[in-house]
Amino acid sequence: MGKGLLGMKEIAAYCGRAWNVILRWIEKRGFPAKLIDGRWKSDRDLIDEWRRDQIRGAISRQA
């Protein structure tokens, strides 16, 4: 991971969302985070790409 985020608090803060929203996204929308050795881990670049993909998908569904 390039620009790592450690812990749900950091991940949620980076996304500007509550931790329970992030957990829902992980479960239902393929949000890029994993529980490794009892701690949530993710990456800013992966999150940014996931967000772009979400936007692309929303735009294509509108067309």
N, C-alpha and C. Protein backbone atom coordinates (compact mmCIF):
# COMPACT_ATOMS: atom_id res chain seq x y z
N MET A 1 0.84 -1.19 0.00
CA MET A 1 0.00 0.00 0.00
C MET A 1 0.87 1.25 0.00
N GLY A 2 0.48 2.19 -0.79
CA GLY A 2 1.26 3.41 -0.90
C GLY A 2 1.00 4.39 0.22
N LYS A 3 -0.20 4.90 0.28
CA LYS A 3 -0.56 5.92 1.27
C LYS A 3 -1.56 5.29 2.23
N GLY A 4 -1.05 4.50 3.15
CA GLY A 4 -1.89 3.69 3.99
C GLY A 4 -2.69 4.45 5.04
N LEU A 5 -3.83 3.88 5.36
CA LEU A 5 -4.68 4.35 6.45
C LEU A 5 -4.83 3.20 7.42
N LEU A 6 -4.59 3.46 8.70
CA LEU A 6 -4.66 2.42 9.71
C LEU A 6 -5.79 2.73 10.69
N GLY A 7 -6.69 1.79 10.82
CA GLY A 7 -7.79 1.94 11.76
C GLY A 7 -9.00 2.58 11.12
N MET A 8 -10.17 2.17 11.59
CA MET A 8 -11.42 2.67 11.04
C MET A 8 -11.55 4.18 11.25
N LYS A 9 -11.00 4.70 12.33
CA LYS A 9 -11.08 6.14 12.59
C LYS A 9 -10.40 6.93 11.47
N GLU A 10 -9.20 6.52 11.07
CA GLU A 10 -8.48 7.20 9.99
C GLU A 10 -9.21 7.05 8.65
N ILE A 11 -9.69 5.85 8.39
CA ILE A 11 -10.40 5.60 7.13
C ILE A 11 -11.66 6.45 7.05
N ALA A 12 -12.44 6.45 8.11
CA ALA A 12 -13.68 7.23 8.14
C ALA A 12 -13.39 8.73 8.02
N ALA A 13 -12.36 9.20 8.69
CA ALA A 13 -12.00 10.62 8.62
C ALA A 13 -11.59 11.00 7.20
N TYR A 14 -10.81 10.15 6.55
CA TYR A 14 -10.39 10.44 5.17
C TYR A 14 -11.60 10.55 4.24
N CYS A 15 -12.60 9.70 4.48
CA CYS A 15 -13.79 9.69 3.63
C CYS A 15 -14.84 10.70 4.06
N GLY A 16 -14.70 11.25 5.26
CA GLY A 16 -15.68 12.19 5.75
C GLY A 16 -17.01 11.55 6.08
N ARG A 17 -16.97 10.30 6.51
CA ARG A 17 -18.17 9.55 6.85
C ARG A 17 -17.99 8.87 8.20
N ALA A 18 -19.08 8.45 8.79
CA ALA A 18 -19.05 7.72 10.06
C ALA A 18 -18.55 6.30 9.82
N TRP A 19 -17.99 5.69 10.85
CA TRP A 19 -17.43 4.35 10.72
C TRP A 19 -18.48 3.34 10.29
N ASN A 20 -19.73 3.50 10.76
CA ASN A 20 -20.76 2.53 10.40
C ASN A 20 -21.13 2.62 8.92
N VAL A 21 -21.01 3.80 8.32
CA VAL A 21 -21.23 3.94 6.88
C VAL A 21 -20.13 3.21 6.12
N ILE A 22 -18.90 3.38 6.57
CA ILE A 22 -17.77 2.70 5.92
C ILE A 22 -17.95 1.18 6.00
N LEU A 23 -18.37 0.67 7.14
CA LEU A 23 -18.60 -0.77 7.27
C LEU A 23 -19.69 -1.25 6.30
N ARG A 24 -20.74 -0.47 6.15
CA ARG A 24 -21.81 -0.81 5.21
C ARG A 24 -21.27 -0.83 3.78
N TRP A 25 -20.43 0.17 3.45
CA TRP A 25 -19.84 0.20 2.11
C TRP A 25 -18.94 -1.01 1.88
N ILE A 26 -18.19 -1.43 2.89
CA ILE A 26 -17.33 -2.61 2.76
C ILE A 26 -18.19 -3.83 2.46
N GLU A 27 -19.27 -3.99 3.21
CA GLU A 27 -20.13 -5.17 3.08
C GLU A 27 -20.92 -5.18 1.78
N LYS A 28 -21.42 -4.03 1.35
CA LYS A 28 -22.38 -4.01 0.25
C LYS A 28 -21.89 -3.39 -1.05
N ARG A 29 -20.80 -2.60 -0.99
CA ARG A 29 -20.40 -1.86 -2.18
C ARG A 29 -18.94 -2.08 -2.58
N GLY A 30 -18.27 -3.01 -1.91
CA GLY A 30 -16.90 -3.33 -2.29
C GLY A 30 -15.88 -2.27 -1.94
N PHE A 31 -16.13 -1.52 -0.88
CA PHE A 31 -15.19 -0.50 -0.44
C PHE A 31 -13.85 -1.16 -0.11
N PRO A 32 -12.73 -0.56 -0.54
CA PRO A 32 -11.42 -1.19 -0.40
C PRO A 32 -10.79 -1.04 0.99
N ALA A 33 -11.22 -1.87 1.91
CA ALA A 33 -10.62 -1.92 3.25
C ALA A 33 -10.69 -3.36 3.73
N LYS A 34 -9.72 -3.76 4.52
CA LYS A 34 -9.66 -5.12 5.05
C LYS A 34 -9.31 -5.09 6.53
N LEU A 35 -9.87 -6.03 7.25
CA LEU A 35 -9.52 -6.23 8.65
C LEU A 35 -8.35 -7.21 8.69
N ILE A 36 -7.18 -6.70 9.05
CA ILE A 36 -5.95 -7.50 9.06
C ILE A 36 -5.37 -7.44 10.47
N ASP A 37 -5.19 -8.62 11.06
CA ASP A 37 -4.66 -8.72 12.42
C ASP A 37 -5.45 -7.85 13.40
N GLY A 38 -6.77 -7.82 13.22
CA GLY A 38 -7.63 -7.10 14.16
C GLY A 38 -7.69 -5.60 13.96
N ARG A 39 -7.11 -5.10 12.86
CA ARG A 39 -7.12 -3.65 12.61
C ARG A 39 -7.51 -3.39 11.16
N TRP A 40 -8.40 -2.43 10.96
CA TRP A 40 -8.81 -2.07 9.62
C TRP A 40 -7.68 -1.33 8.90
N LYS A 41 -7.47 -1.71 7.63
CA LYS A 41 -6.43 -1.08 6.82
C LYS A 41 -6.98 -0.77 5.44
N SER A 42 -6.53 0.34 4.90
CA SER A 42 -6.91 0.73 3.55
C SER A 42 -5.81 1.61 2.97
N ASP A 43 -6.11 2.22 1.84
CA ASP A 43 -5.12 3.01 1.11
C ASP A 43 -5.83 4.17 0.42
N ARG A 44 -5.27 5.35 0.53
CA ARG A 44 -5.90 6.55 -0.05
C ARG A 44 -6.08 6.40 -1.56
N ASP A 45 -5.09 5.88 -2.25
CA ASP A 45 -5.20 5.73 -3.71
C ASP A 45 -6.32 4.77 -4.09
N LEU A 46 -6.44 3.66 -3.36
CA LEU A 46 -7.52 2.70 -3.63
C LEU A 46 -8.88 3.31 -3.36
N ILE A 47 -8.98 4.07 -2.28
CA ILE A 47 -10.25 4.73 -1.95
C ILE A 47 -10.61 5.75 -3.03
N ASP A 48 -9.64 6.54 -3.46
CA ASP A 48 -9.90 7.53 -4.50
C ASP A 48 -10.37 6.87 -5.79
N GLU A 49 -9.76 5.76 -6.16
CA GLU A 49 -10.16 5.03 -7.37
C GLU A 49 -11.57 4.44 -7.19
N TRP A 50 -11.86 3.91 -6.01
CA TRP A 50 -13.19 3.36 -5.73
C TRP A 50 -14.24 4.46 -5.87
N ARG A 51 -13.94 5.64 -5.34
CA ARG A 51 -14.86 6.77 -5.47
C ARG A 51 -15.09 7.15 -6.92
N ARG A 52 -14.02 7.19 -7.71
CA ARG A 52 -14.18 7.50 -9.14
C ARG A 52 -15.06 6.45 -9.83
N ASP A 53 -14.85 5.18 -9.48
CA ASP A 53 -15.67 4.12 -10.06
C ASP A 53 -17.14 4.27 -9.66
N GLN A 54 -17.39 4.67 -8.43
CA GLN A 54 -18.76 4.88 -7.97
C GLN A 54 -19.41 6.01 -8.76
N ILE A 55 -18.67 7.07 -9.01
CA ILE A 55 -19.19 8.20 -9.78
C ILE A 55 -19.46 7.78 -11.22
N ARG A 56 -18.51 7.06 -11.82
CA ARG A 56 -18.71 6.58 -13.20
C ARG A 56 -19.95 5.72 -13.30
N GLY A 57 -20.14 4.83 -12.34
CA GLY A 57 -21.30 3.95 -12.35
C GLY A 57 -22.60 4.73 -12.23
N ALA A 58 -22.61 5.73 -11.37
CA ALA A 58 -23.81 6.54 -11.18
C ALA A 58 -24.13 7.33 -12.45
N ILE A 59 -23.11 7.83 -13.11
CA ILE A 59 -23.32 8.59 -14.35
C ILE A 59 -23.85 7.67 -15.45
N SER A 60 -23.28 6.48 -15.57
CA SER A 60 -23.72 5.57 -16.64
C SER A 60 -25.14 5.06 -16.39
N ARG A 61 -25.56 4.94 -15.12
CA ARG A 61 -26.94 4.52 -14.83
C ARG A 61 -27.93 5.62 -15.17
N GLN A 62 -27.48 6.88 -15.14
CA GLN A 62 -28.36 8.01 -15.46
C GLN A 62 -28.55 8.16 -16.96
N ALA A 63 -27.57 7.73 -17.72
CA ALA A 63 -27.61 7.94 -19.18
C ALA A 63 -28.61 7.02 -19.86
